[in-house]
C-alpha atoms as a PDB file:
ATOM      1  CA  UNK A   1     -10.423  -0.094  12.867  1.00  0.00           C
ATOM      2  CA  UNK A   2      -8.683   0.128   9.463  1.00  0.00           C
ATOM      3  CA  UNK A   3      -4.905   0.433   9.248  1.00  0.00           C
ATOM      4  CA  UNK A   4      -2.101   0.183   6.711  1.00  0.00           C
ATOM      5  CA  UNK A   5       1.607  -0.412   7.214  1.00  0.00           C
ATOM      6  CA  UNK A   6       4.506   0.006   4.780  1.00  0.00           C
ATOM      7  CA  UNK A   7       2.204   0.666   1.842  1.00  0.00           C
ATOM      8  CA  UNK A   8       3.648   1.119  -1.624  1.00  0.00           C
ATOM      9  CA  UNK A   9       1.562   1.214  -4.778  1.00  0.00           C
ATOM     10  CA  UNK A  10       2.071   2.210  -8.374  1.00  0.00           C
ATOM     11  CA  UNK A  11       1.585   1.455 -12.024  1.00  0.00           C
ATOM     12  CA  UNK A  12       4.321  -0.028 -14.234  1.00  0.00           C
ATOM     13  CA  UNK A  13       7.536   1.604 -13.023  1.00  0.00           C
ATOM     14  CA  UNK A  14       5.861   4.634 -11.452  1.00  0.00           C
ATOM     15  CA  UNK A  15       5.259   4.713  -7.686  1.00  0.00           C
ATOM     16  CA  UNK A  16       2.157   6.747  -6.797  1.00  0.00           C
ATOM     17  CA  UNK A  17       1.803   5.941  -3.090  1.00  0.00           C
ATOM     18  CA  UNK A  18       4.366   5.496  -0.333  1.00  0.00           C
ATOM     19  CA  UNK A  19       2.701   5.501   3.101  1.00  0.00           C
ATOM     20  CA  UNK A  20       4.601   4.027   6.073  1.00  0.00           C
ATOM     21  CA  UNK A  21       1.534   3.999   8.337  1.00  0.00           C
ATOM     22  CA  UNK A  22      -2.037   5.211   8.570  1.00  0.00           C
ATOM     23  CA  UNK A  23      -4.705   4.279  11.108  1.00  0.00           C
ATOM     24  CA  UNK A  24      -8.409   5.101  11.090  1.00  0.00           C
ATOM     25  CA  UNK A  25      -9.816   4.346  14.554  1.00  0.00           C
ATOM     26  CA  UNK A  26     -13.501   3.626  14.971  1.00  0.00           C
ATOM     27  CA  UNK A  27     -15.662   6.677  15.552  1.00  0.00           C
ATOM     28  CA  UNK A  28     -13.235   9.095  13.873  1.00  0.00           C
ATOM     29  CA  UNK A  29     -13.198  11.121  10.660  1.00  0.00           C
ATOM     30  CA  UNK A  30      -9.865  11.220   8.836  1.00  0.00           C
ATOM     31  CA  UNK A  31      -9.517  13.766   6.034  1.00  0.00           C
ATOM     32  CA  UNK A  32      -7.051  13.673   3.145  1.00  0.00           C
ATOM     33  CA  UNK A  33      -6.227  16.912   1.346  1.00  0.00           C
ATOM     34  CA  UNK A  34      -3.824  17.604  -1.462  1.00  0.00           C
ATOM     35  CA  UNK A  35      -3.527  18.706  -5.081  1.00  0.00           C
ATOM     36  CA  UNK A  36      -4.993  16.801  -8.022  1.00  0.00           C
ATOM     37  CA  UNK A  37      -2.823  13.824  -8.838  1.00  0.00           C
ATOM     38  CA  UNK A  38      -1.472  13.523  -5.295  1.00  0.00           C
ATOM     39  CA  UNK A  39      -2.897  10.007  -4.926  1.00  0.00           C
ATOM     40  CA  UNK A  40      -5.962  10.641  -2.749  1.00  0.00           C
ATOM     41  CA  UNK A  41      -8.402   8.624  -4.881  1.00  0.00           C
ATOM     42  CA  UNK A  42      -5.872   5.825  -5.350  1.00  0.00           C
ATOM     43  CA  UNK A  43      -5.296   5.583  -1.600  1.00  0.00           C
ATOM     44  CA  UNK A  44      -9.033   5.301  -0.963  1.00  0.00           C
ATOM     45  CA  UNK A  45      -9.340   2.568  -3.593  1.00  0.00           C
ATOM     46  CA  UNK A  46      -6.496   0.660  -1.961  1.00  0.00           C
ATOM     47  CA  UNK A  47      -8.139   1.043   1.452  1.00  0.00           C
ATOM     48  CA  UNK A  48     -11.408  -0.240  -0.019  1.00  0.00           C
ATOM     49  CA  UNK A  49      -9.718  -3.276  -1.506  1.00  0.00           C
ATOM     50  CA  UNK A  50     -10.540  -2.192  -5.061  1.00  0.00           C
ATOM     51  CA  UNK A  51      -6.840  -2.023  -5.913  1.00  0.00           C
ATOM     52  CA  UNK A  52      -4.197  -4.298  -4.444  1.00  0.00           C
ATOM     53  CA  UNK A  53      -0.957  -2.522  -3.458  1.00  0.00           C
ATOM     54  CA  UNK A  54       2.480  -3.616  -4.567  1.00  0.00           C
ATOM     55  CA  UNK A  55       3.415  -4.236  -0.957  1.00  0.00           C
ATOM     56  CA  UNK A  56       2.218  -3.441   2.529  1.00  0.00           C
ATOM     57  CA  UNK A  57      -0.278  -4.716   5.066  1.00  0.00           C
ATOM     58  CA  UNK A  58      -3.938  -3.722   5.301  1.00  0.00           C
ATOM     59  CA  UNK A  59      -5.704  -4.671   8.541  1.00  0.00           C
ATOM     60  CA  UNK A  60      -9.335  -4.453   9.620  1.00  0.00           C
ATOM     61  CA  UNK A  61     -10.118  -4.514  13.351  1.00  0.00           C
ATOM     62  CA  UNK A  62      -6.579  -5.768  14.008  1.00  0.00           C
ATOM     63  CA  UNK A  63      -6.821  -8.675  11.548  1.00  0.00           C
ATOM     64  CA  UNK A  64      -4.440  -8.555   8.564  1.00  0.00           C
ATOM     65  CA  UNK A  65      -6.095  -8.953   5.175  1.00  0.00           C
ATOM     66  CA  UNK A  66      -3.912 -11.517   3.428  1.00  0.00           C
ATOM     67  CA  UNK A  67      -6.028 -13.978   1.479  1.00  0.00           C
ATOM     68  CA  UNK A  68      -8.757 -13.555  -1.106  1.00  0.00           C
ATOM     69  CA  UNK A  69     -11.264 -14.758   1.501  1.00  0.00           C
ATOM     70  CA  UNK A  70     -10.006 -12.095   3.933  1.00  0.00           C
ATOM     71  CA  UNK A  71     -10.416  -9.423   1.242  1.00  0.00           C
ATOM     72  CA  UNK A  72     -13.966 -10.499   0.389  1.00  0.00           C
ATOM     73  CA  UNK A  73     -14.950 -10.505   4.060  1.00  0.00           C
ATOM     74  CA  UNK A  74     -13.409  -7.053   4.554  1.00  0.00           C
ATOM     75  CA  UNK A  75     -15.142  -5.572   1.505  1.00  0.00           C
ATOM     76  CA  UNK A  76     -18.499  -6.489   3.016  1.00  0.00           C
ATOM     77  CA  UNK A  77     -17.614  -4.173   5.916  1.00  0.00           C
ATOM     78  CA  UNK A  78     -16.081  -1.324   3.892  1.00  0.00           C
ATOM     79  CA  UNK A  79     -18.041   1.039   1.637  1.00  0.00           C
ATOM     80  CA  UNK A  80     -16.396   3.356  -0.885  1.00  0.00           C
ATOM     81  CA  UNK A  81     -18.340   6.299  -2.340  1.00  0.00           C
ATOM     82  CA  UNK A  82     -16.394   7.526  -5.351  1.00  0.00           C
ATOM     83  CA  UNK A  83     -16.309  11.125  -6.533  1.00  0.00           C
ATOM     84  CA  UNK A  84     -18.758  10.478  -9.358  1.00  0.00           C
ATOM     85  CA  UNK A  85     -21.079   7.806  -7.956  1.00  0.00           C
ATOM     86  CA  UNK A  86     -23.583   5.969 -10.130  1.00  0.00           C
ATOM     87  CA  UNK A  87     -27.289   5.502  -9.452  1.00  0.00           C
ATOM     88  CA  UNK A  88     -29.530   3.039 -11.258  1.00  0.00           C
ATOM     89  CA  UNK A  89     -32.295   4.215 -13.596  1.00  0.00           C
ATOM     90  CA  UNK A  90     -34.976   3.985 -10.919  1.00  0.00           C
ATOM     91  CA  UNK A  91     -36.242   6.221  -8.151  1.00  0.00           C
ATOM     92  CA  UNK A  92     -33.919   7.339  -5.375  1.00  0.00           C
ATOM     93  CA  UNK A  93     -35.978   5.330  -2.903  1.00  0.00           C
ATOM     94  CA  UNK A  94     -35.643   2.231  -5.087  1.00  0.00           C
ATOM     95  CA  UNK A  95     -31.888   2.787  -5.408  1.00  0.00           C
ATOM     96  CA  UNK A  96     -31.519   2.716  -1.646  1.00  0.00           C
ATOM     97  CA  UNK A  97     -33.825  -0.278  -1.270  1.00  0.00           C
ATOM     98  CA  UNK A  98     -31.778  -2.185  -3.844  1.00  0.00           C
ATOM     99  CA  UNK A  99     -28.616  -1.545  -1.816  1.00  0.00           C
ATOM    100  CA  UNK A 100     -30.280  -3.254   1.134  1.00  0.00           C
ATOM    101  CA  UNK A 101     -31.377  -6.146  -1.068  1.00  0.00           C
ATOM    102  CA  UNK A 102     -27.781  -6.718  -2.146  1.00  0.00           C
ATOM    103  CA  UNK A 103     -26.885  -6.951   1.548  1.00  0.00           C
ATOM    104  CA  UNK A 104     -29.520  -9.643   2.072  1.00  0.00           C
ATOM    105  CA  UNK A 105     -31.982  -7.382   3.902  1.00  0.00           C
ATOM    106  CA  UNK A 106     -35.695  -6.970   3.240  1.00  0.00           C
ATOM    107  CA  UNK A 107     -36.068  -3.536   1.636  1.00  0.00           C
ATOM    108  CA  UNK A 108     -39.868  -3.500   2.088  1.00  0.00           C
ATOM    109  CA  UNK A 109     -39.386  -3.234   5.843  1.00  0.00           C
ATOM    110  CA  UNK A 110     -36.874  -0.405   5.572  1.00  0.00           C
ATOM    111  CA  UNK A 111     -39.096   2.518   4.529  1.00  0.00           C
ATOM    112  CA  UNK A 112     -38.456   4.459   7.736  1.00  0.00           C
ATOM    113  CA  UNK A 113     -34.694   3.853   7.583  1.00  0.00           C
ATOM    114  CA  UNK A 114     -34.583   5.089   3.996  1.00  0.00           C
ATOM    115  CA  UNK A 115     -36.508   8.243   4.899  1.00  0.00           C
ATOM    116  CA  UNK A 116     -34.243   8.859   7.874  1.00  0.00           C
ATOM    117  CA  UNK A 117     -30.943   8.618   5.962  1.00  0.00           C
ATOM    118  CA  UNK A 118     -32.254  10.818   3.150  1.00  0.00           C
ATOM    119  CA  UNK A 119     -33.357  13.407   5.711  1.00  0.00           C
ATOM    120  CA  UNK A 120     -29.956  13.190   7.384  1.00  0.00           C
ATOM    121  CA  UNK A 121     -28.240  14.477   4.229  1.00  0.00           C
ATOM    122  CA  UNK A 122     -31.045  16.900   3.296  1.00  0.00           C
ATOM    123  CA  UNK A 123     -32.259  14.768   0.366  1.00  0.00           C
ATOM    124  CA  UNK A 124     -35.684  13.613   1.541  1.00  0.00           C
ATOM    125  CA  UNK A 125     -37.357  15.642  -1.229  1.00  0.00           C
ATOM    126  CA  UNK A 126     -35.480  13.552  -3.803  1.00  0.00           C
ATOM    127  CA  UNK A 127     -37.002  10.200  -2.777  1.00  0.00           C
ATOM    128  CA  UNK A 128     -39.297   9.917  -5.802  1.00  0.00           C
ATOM    129  CA  UNK A 129     -36.913  11.461  -8.341  1.00  0.00           C
ATOM    130  CA  UNK A 130     -35.229   9.240 -10.911  1.00  0.00           C
ATOM    131  CA  UNK A 131     -31.628   8.576  -9.948  1.00  0.00           C
ATOM    132  CA  UNK A 132     -30.281   9.425 -13.413  1.00  0.00           C
ATOM    133  CA  UNK A 133     -32.044  12.823 -13.392  1.00  0.00           C
ATOM    134  CA  UNK A 134     -30.182  14.243 -10.393  1.00  0.00           C
ATOM    135  CA  UNK A 135     -27.463  16.882 -10.452  1.00  0.00           C
ATOM    136  CA  UNK A 136     -23.916  16.022  -9.422  1.00  0.00           C
ATOM    137  CA  UNK A 137     -24.378  17.397  -5.921  1.00  0.00           C
ATOM    138  CA  UNK A 138     -27.721  15.622  -5.457  1.00  0.00           C
ATOM    139  CA  UNK A 139     -26.210  12.341  -6.653  1.00  0.00           C
ATOM    140  CA  UNK A 140     -23.392  12.673  -4.132  1.00  0.00           C
ATOM    141  CA  UNK A 141     -25.836  13.230  -1.282  1.00  0.00           C
ATOM    142  CA  UNK A 142     -27.932  10.229  -2.263  1.00  0.00           C
ATOM    143  CA  UNK A 143     -24.809   8.071  -2.583  1.00  0.00           C
ATOM    144  CA  UNK A 144     -23.726   9.089   0.929  1.00  0.00           C
ATOM    145  CA  UNK A 145     -27.242   8.316   2.220  1.00  0.00           C
ATOM    146  CA  UNK A 146     -27.021   4.903   0.536  1.00  0.00           C
ATOM    147  CA  UNK A 147     -23.714   4.293   2.292  1.00  0.00           C
ATOM    148  CA  UNK A 148     -25.200   5.264   5.660  1.00  0.00           C
ATOM    149  CA  UNK A 149     -28.084   2.881   5.054  1.00  0.00           C
ATOM    150  CA  UNK A 150     -25.923  -0.232   4.750  1.00  0.00           C
ATOM    151  CA  UNK A 151     -24.037   0.726   7.953  1.00  0.00           C
ATOM    152  CA  UNK A 152     -20.452  -0.228   7.081  1.00  0.00           C
ATOM    153  CA  UNK A 153     -17.739  -0.432   9.704  1.00  0.00           C
ATOM    154  CA  UNK A 154     -15.536   1.721   7.467  1.00  0.00           C
ATOM    155  CA  UNK A 155     -16.822   4.451   5.139  1.00  0.00           C
ATOM    156  CA  UNK A 156     -14.503   5.910   2.473  1.00  0.00           C
ATOM    157  CA  UNK A 157     -15.598   9.041   0.602  1.00  0.00           C
ATOM    158  CA  UNK A 158     -13.843  10.545  -2.399  1.00  0.00           C
ATOM    159  CA  UNK A 159     -14.536  14.304  -2.605  1.00  0.00           C
ATOM    160  CA  UNK A 160     -18.045  14.036  -1.100  1.00  0.00           C
ATOM    161  CA  UNK A 161     -18.304  17.834  -0.738  1.00  0.00           C
ATOM    162  CA  UNK A 162     -16.983  18.799  -4.163  1.00  0.00           C
ATOM    163  CA  UNK A 163     -20.319  19.358  -5.942  1.00  0.00           C
ATOM    164  CA  UNK A 164     -22.314  20.556  -2.919  1.00  0.00           C
ATOM    165  CA  UNK A 165     -23.245  24.145  -2.169  1.00  0.00           C
ATOM    166  CA  UNK A 166     -22.510  25.665   1.249  1.00  0.00           C
ATOM    167  CA  UNK A 167     -25.814  24.526   2.783  1.00  0.00           C
ATOM    168  CA  UNK A 168     -25.448  20.981   1.482  1.00  0.00           C
ATOM    169  CA  UNK A 169     -21.834  20.813   2.689  1.00  0.00           C
ATOM    170  CA  UNK A 170     -22.979  21.788   6.169  1.00  0.00           C
ATOM    171  CA  UNK A 171     -25.659  19.074   6.158  1.00  0.00           C
ATOM    172  CA  UNK A 172     -23.232  16.448   4.898  1.00  0.00           C
ATOM    173  CA  UNK A 173     -20.571  17.441   7.432  1.00  0.00           C
ATOM    174  CA  UNK A 174     -23.032  17.217  10.313  1.00  0.00           C
ATOM    175  CA  UNK A 175     -24.320  13.888   8.996  1.00  0.00           C
ATOM    176  CA  UNK A 176     -20.789  12.474   8.823  1.00  0.00           C
ATOM    177  CA  UNK A 177     -20.084  13.513  12.400  1.00  0.00           C
ATOM    178  CA  UNK A 178     -23.312  11.885  13.594  1.00  0.00           C
ATOM    179  CA  UNK A 179     -22.545   8.721  11.660  1.00  0.00           C
ATOM    180  CA  UNK A 180     -19.035   8.571  13.124  1.00  0.00           C
ATOM    181  CA  UNK A 181     -20.597   8.620  16.591  1.00  0.00           C
ATOM    182  CA  UNK A 182     -22.066   5.175  15.844  1.00  0.00           C
ATOM    183  CA  UNK A 183     -18.513   3.801  15.769  1.00  0.00           C
ATOM    184  CA  UNK A 184     -17.896   3.866  12.039  1.00  0.00           C
ATOM    185  CA  UNK A 185     -14.400   4.853  10.891  1.00  0.00           C
ATOM    186  CA  UNK A 186     -14.704   7.472   8.148  1.00  0.00           C
ATOM    187  CA  UNK A 187     -12.019   8.641   5.744  1.00  0.00           C
ATOM    188  CA  UNK A 188     -12.729  11.347   3.182  1.00  0.00           C
ATOM    189  CA  UNK A 189     -10.701  13.191   0.584  1.00  0.00           C
ATOM    190  CA  UNK A 190     -11.316  16.852  -0.153  1.00  0.00           C
ATOM    191  CA  UNK A 191      -9.742  19.811  -1.910  1.00  0.00           C
ATOM    192  CA  UNK A 192     -11.759  22.106   0.398  1.00  0.00           C
ATOM    193  CA  UNK A 193      -9.232  22.640   3.170  1.00  0.00           C
ATOM    194  CA  UNK A 194     -11.466  24.680   5.480  1.00  0.00           C
ATOM    195  CA  UNK A 195     -14.295  22.137   5.251  1.00  0.00           C
ATOM    196  CA  UNK A 196     -11.873  19.265   5.841  1.00  0.00           C
ATOM    197  CA  UNK A 197     -10.600  20.970   9.003  1.00  0.00           C
ATOM    198  CA  UNK A 198     -14.127  21.712  10.127  1.00  0.00           C
ATOM    199  CA  UNK A 199     -15.516  18.194   9.894  1.00  0.00           C
ATOM    200  CA  UNK A 200     -12.567  15.860  10.487  1.00  0.00           C
ATOM    201  CA  UNK A 201     -10.959  14.481  13.609  1.00  0.00           C
ATOM    202  CA  UNK A 202      -7.531  14.318  11.931  1.00  0.00           C
ATOM    203  CA  UNK A 203      -6.171  15.841   8.760  1.00  0.00           C
ATOM    204  CA  UNK A 204      -3.380  14.650   6.478  1.00  0.00           C
ATOM    205  CA  UNK A 205      -1.925  16.271   3.397  1.00  0.00           C
ATOM    206  CA  UNK A 206      -1.099  13.869   0.579  1.00  0.00           C
ATOM    207  CA  UNK A 207       1.510  15.282  -1.780  1.00  0.00           C
ATOM    208  CA  UNK A 208       3.202  13.175  -4.456  1.00  0.00           C
ATOM    209  CA  UNK A 209       1.915  10.042  -2.781  1.00  0.00           C
ATOM    210  CA  UNK A 210       3.290  10.808   0.679  1.00  0.00           C
ATOM    211  CA  UNK A 211       1.320  11.650   3.818  1.00  0.00           C
ATOM    212  CA  UNK A 212       2.063  14.514   6.172  1.00  0.00           C
ATOM    213  CA  UNK A 213      -0.096  15.558   9.129  1.00  0.00           C
ATOM    214  CA  UNK A 214      -1.506  19.080   9.013  1.00  0.00           C
ATOM    215  CA  UNK A 215      -2.836  21.353  11.756  1.00  0.00           C
ATOM    216  CA  UNK A 216      -5.314  24.201  11.267  1.00  0.00           C
ATOM    217  CA  UNK A 217      -2.820  26.874  12.302  1.00  0.00           C
ATOM    218  CA  UNK A 218      -0.559  29.014  10.140  1.00  0.00           C
ATOM    219  CA  UNK A 219      -2.351  28.584   6.816  1.00  0.00           C
ATOM    220  CA  UNK A 220      -2.108  31.031   3.916  1.00  0.00           C
ATOM    221  CA  UNK A 221      -3.914  30.928   0.592  1.00  0.00           C
ATOM    222  CA  UNK A 222      -1.759  32.406  -2.139  1.00  0.00           C
ATOM    223  CA  UNK A 223      -1.436  32.415  -5.906  1.00  0.00           C
ATOM    224  CA  UNK A 224       2.021  31.142  -6.880  1.00  0.00           C
ATOM    225  CA  UNK A 225       3.454  32.809  -9.993  1.00  0.00           C
ATOM    226  CA  UNK A 226       5.275  30.643 -12.555  1.00  0.00           C
ATOM    227  CA  UNK A 227       8.723  29.647 -11.458  1.00  0.00           C
ATOM    228  CA  UNK A 228      10.686  26.843  -9.852  1.00  0.00           C
ATOM    229  CA  UNK A 229      13.105  26.121  -7.049  1.00  0.00           C
ATOM    230  CA  UNK A 230      13.729  28.602  -4.277  1.00  0.00           C
ATOM    231  CA  UNK A 231      11.696  31.816  -4.479  1.00  0.00           C
ATOM    232  CA  UNK A 232      10.079  34.398  -2.255  1.00  0.00           C
ATOM    233  CA  UNK A 233       6.314  34.873  -2.106  1.00  0.00           C
ATOM    234  CA  UNK A 234       3.914  36.980  -0.065  1.00  0.00           C
ATOM    235  CA  UNK A 235       2.000  35.020   2.570  1.00  0.00           C
ATOM    236  CA  UNK A 236      -0.187  37.659   4.141  1.00  0.00           C
ATOM    237  CA  UNK A 237       2.263  40.302   5.460  1.00  0.00           C
ATOM    238  CA  UNK A 238       5.204  37.880   5.387  1.00  0.00           C
ATOM    239  CA  UNK A 239       7.852  37.599   2.687  1.00  0.00           C
ATOM    240  CA  UNK A 240       8.286  33.852   2.757  1.00  0.00           C
ATOM    241  CA  UNK A 241      11.019  31.895   0.995  1.00  0.00           C
ATOM    242  CA  UNK A 242       9.780  28.551  -0.301  1.00  0.00           C
ATOM    243  CA  UNK A 243      10.984  25.750  -2.559  1.00  0.00           C
ATOM    244  CA  UNK A 244       8.445  24.623  -5.143  1.00  0.00           C
ATOM    245  CA  UNK A 245       7.899  23.989  -8.842  1.00  0.00           C
ATOM    246  CA  UNK A 246       4.163  24.581  -8.623  1.00  0.00           C
ATOM    247  CA  UNK A 247       2.141  27.568  -9.769  1.00  0.00           C
ATOM    248  CA  UNK A 248      -1.389  28.872  -9.372  1.00  0.00           C
ATOM    249  CA  UNK A 249      -3.684  28.795  -6.299  1.00  0.00           C
ATOM    250  CA  UNK A 250      -2.177  26.865  -3.375  1.00  0.00           C
ATOM    251  CA  UNK A 251      -2.369  26.695   0.403  1.00  0.00           C
ATOM    252  CA  UNK A 252       0.850  27.248   2.344  1.00  0.00           C
ATOM    253  CA  UNK A 253       1.152  25.731   5.810  1.00  0.00           C
ATOM    254  CA  UNK A 254       3.775  26.400   8.470  1.00  0.00           C
ATOM    255  CA  UNK A 255       3.637  23.495  10.902  1.00  0.00           C
ATOM    256  CA  UNK A 256       3.862  24.702  14.528  1.00  0.00           C
ATOM    257  CA  UNK A 257       6.342  21.856  15.124  1.00  0.00           C
ATOM    258  CA  UNK A 258       8.695  23.053  12.355  1.00  0.00           C
ATOM    259  CA  UNK A 259       9.056  26.623  13.638  1.00  0.00           C
ATOM    260  CA  UNK A 260      11.970  27.515  15.929  1.00  0.00           C
ATOM    261  CA  UNK A 261      11.336  30.252  18.473  1.00  0.00           C
ATOM    262  CA  UNK A 262      14.252  32.184  20.006  1.00  0.00           C
ATOM    263  CA  UNK A 263      14.829  35.370  21.960  1.00  0.00           C
ATOM    264  CA  UNK A 264      17.194  36.757  19.308  1.00  0.00           C
ATOM    265  CA  UNK A 265      17.985  36.181  15.648  1.00  0.00           C
ATOM    266  CA  UNK A 266      20.891  33.813  15.072  1.00  0.00           C
ATOM    267  CA  UNK A 267      23.259  33.278  12.190  1.00  0.00           C
ATOM    268  CA  UNK A 268      22.200  30.241  10.156  1.00  0.00           C
ATOM    269  CA  UNK A 269      21.131  29.086   6.716  1.00  0.00           C
ATOM    270  CA  UNK A 270      17.456  29.494   7.657  1.00  0.00           C
ATOM    271  CA  UNK A 271      15.953  31.907   5.123  1.00  0.00           C
ATOM    272  CA  UNK A 272      12.760  32.725   6.982  1.00  0.00           C
ATOM    273  CA  UNK A 273      13.247  34.672  10.226  1.00  0.00           C
ATOM    274  CA  UNK A 274      10.479  36.916  11.547  1.00  0.00           C
ATOM    275  CA  UNK A 275      10.746  39.170  14.629  1.00  0.00           C
ATOM    276  CA  UNK A 276       7.690  39.653  16.793  1.00  0.00           C
ATOM    277  CA  UNK A 277       6.339  39.339  20.314  1.00  0.00           C
ATOM    278  CA  UNK A 278       4.515  36.681  22.285  1.00  0.00           C
ATOM    279  CA  UNK A 279       0.735  37.237  22.475  1.00  0.00           C
ATOM    280  CA  UNK A 280      -0.438  33.939  23.952  1.00  0.00           C
ATOM    281  CA  UNK A 281       0.823  30.926  25.922  1.00  0.00           C
ATOM    282  CA  UNK A 282      -1.326  27.883  26.668  1.00  0.00           C
ATOM    283  CA  UNK A 283      -1.181  24.142  27.272  1.00  0.00           C
ATOM    284  CA  UNK A 284      -2.192  22.228  24.139  1.00  0.00           C
ATOM    285  CA  UNK A 285      -3.582  19.332  26.195  1.00  0.00           C
ATOM    286  CA  UNK A 286      -1.076  16.865  24.728  1.00  0.00           C
ATOM    287  CA  UNK A 287       1.975  17.617  26.838  1.00  0.00           C
ATOM    288  CA  UNK A 288       3.235  20.590  24.824  1.00  0.00           C
ATOM    289  CA  UNK A 289       2.930  24.360  25.000  1.00  0.00           C
ATOM    290  CA  UNK A 290       1.161  26.403  22.336  1.00  0.00           C
ATOM    291  CA  UNK A 291       2.858  29.797  21.895  1.00  0.00           C
ATOM    292  CA  UNK A 292       1.254  32.484  19.725  1.00  0.00           C
ATOM    293  CA  UNK A 293       3.454  35.292  18.402  1.00  0.00           C
ATOM    294  CA  UNK A 294       2.535  38.396  16.417  1.00  0.00           C
ATOM    295  CA  UNK A 295       5.018  38.795  13.549  1.00  0.00           C
ATOM    296  CA  UNK A 296       2.702  40.968  11.465  1.00  0.00           C
ATOM    297  CA  UNK A 297       0.214  38.127  11.579  1.00  0.00           C
ATOM    298  CA  UNK A 298      -0.322  35.651  14.381  1.00  0.00           C
ATOM    299  CA  UNK A 299       1.748  32.472  14.088  1.00  0.00           C
ATOM    300  CA  UNK A 300       1.431  29.439  16.374  1.00  0.00           C
ATOM    301  CA  UNK A 301       4.510  27.569  17.587  1.00  0.00           C
ATOM    302  CA  UNK A 302       4.513  24.323  19.577  1.00  0.00           C
ATOM    303  CA  UNK A 303       7.315  23.781  22.118  1.00  0.00           C
ATOM    304  CA  UNK A 304       7.993  21.661  25.184  1.00  0.00           C
ATOM    305  CA  UNK A 305       7.411  22.927  28.744  1.00  0.00           C
ATOM    306  CA  UNK A 306      11.171  22.794  29.362  1.00  0.00           C
ATOM    307  CA  UNK A 307      11.816  24.970  26.287  1.00  0.00           C
ATOM    308  CA  UNK A 308       9.294  27.487  27.608  1.00  0.00           C
ATOM    309  CA  UNK A 309      11.147  27.640  30.924  1.00  0.00           C
ATOM    310  CA  UNK A 310      14.587  27.829  29.296  1.00  0.00           C
ATOM    311  CA  UNK A 311      13.528  30.715  27.041  1.00  0.00           C
ATOM    312  CA  UNK A 312      11.718  32.519  29.858  1.00  0.00           C
ATOM    313  CA  UNK A 313       8.819  33.393  27.591  1.00  0.00           C
ATOM    314  CA  UNK A 314       5.979  35.588  28.834  1.00  0.00           C
ATOM    315  CA  UNK A 315       3.236  37.602  27.199  1.00  0.00           C
ATOM    316  CA  UNK A 316       4.974  40.520  25.508  1.00  0.00           C
ATOM    317  CA  UNK A 317       8.406  38.874  25.216  1.00  0.00           C
ATOM    318  CA  UNK A 318      10.224  39.826  22.013  1.00  0.00           C
ATOM    319  CA  UNK A 319      11.043  36.738  19.957  1.00  0.00           C
ATOM    320  CA  UNK A 320      12.186  35.622  16.509  1.00  0.00           C
ATOM    321  CA  UNK A 321      10.440  32.817  14.624  1.00  0.00           C
ATOM    322  CA  UNK A 322      12.528  30.817  12.150  1.00  0.00           C
ATOM    323  CA  UNK A 323      11.440  28.195   9.619  1.00  0.00           C
ATOM    324  CA  UNK A 324      13.418  26.554   6.839  1.00  0.00           C
ATOM    325  CA  UNK A 325      12.272  27.065   3.257  1.00  0.00           C
ATOM    326  CA  UNK A 326      12.104  23.282   2.775  1.00  0.00           C
ATOM    327  CA  UNK A 327       9.796  22.979   5.797  1.00  0.00           C
ATOM    328  CA  UNK A 328       7.099  25.164   4.233  1.00  0.00           C
ATOM    329  CA  UNK A 329       4.322  22.806   3.129  1.00  0.00           C
ATOM    330  CA  UNK A 330       2.456  23.537  -0.075  1.00  0.00           C
ATOM    331  CA  UNK A 331      -0.750  21.841  -1.201  1.00  0.00           C
END
């Protein structure tokens, strides 16, 4: 539905985004996670057409957006809900009706639709409240309901779960999944990794303006002490060598595709080598084999069927898992 190619964007001499490719097919939810300042909000604004990138191609439904007329036509089909959305100084119901009016629809005939979208996000009790009187979390829910109401082909959401409590996050997540089933392509940013995994079809980490796909396996929450460069940290029971200049709370991810599995340790420059034994072997449904090994904690490795045969792996086989310090992802 919405796609970018060879995107580069920045301000003055500073490049803040460098994304070779990203596609958001219809009916899917794409999540972007990453630290503050990684470029998540900027990427969403570029996707929405609010900011024009230095270079790159943005396409909607296979049609490149090149001219001003193309951009205006695309923006009528793309809705961006920013992290701190604004409501007019009128009732919530009137705010939603006004959104329909701007789209050329008759809001007086949309009472049922307005009730339905508010109920979908658990905000039906807010219908008669003044928009400017709502809390941050309530405002976010109403803004998402307003976006649902106008039925865009592409829905972009900047931290839609950030101000919501657990119950509200569950309602919003379910609502997004239902809305995606109508064919809308949804892309959301979030610093809540678990929630992003739970509600999205695909997950990408954005770090220093660059995208990297992330899987839900092999994640560790840790608190990085001050320091820089190569250092060793505790990730659960593992002593893990990483390379980073960051400090404070972070999530560490070991991609199953970056881990080498062998029958014995081997001499190399790889700093992270963990002995263990195979506890699970299964087909991942995408032509690869998912191997789980207990190395003090369970770690998932993805290998080819031929590698499985060559290694002769079975449940209980003793193995060594190796991962380079530079391959450890931190966000």
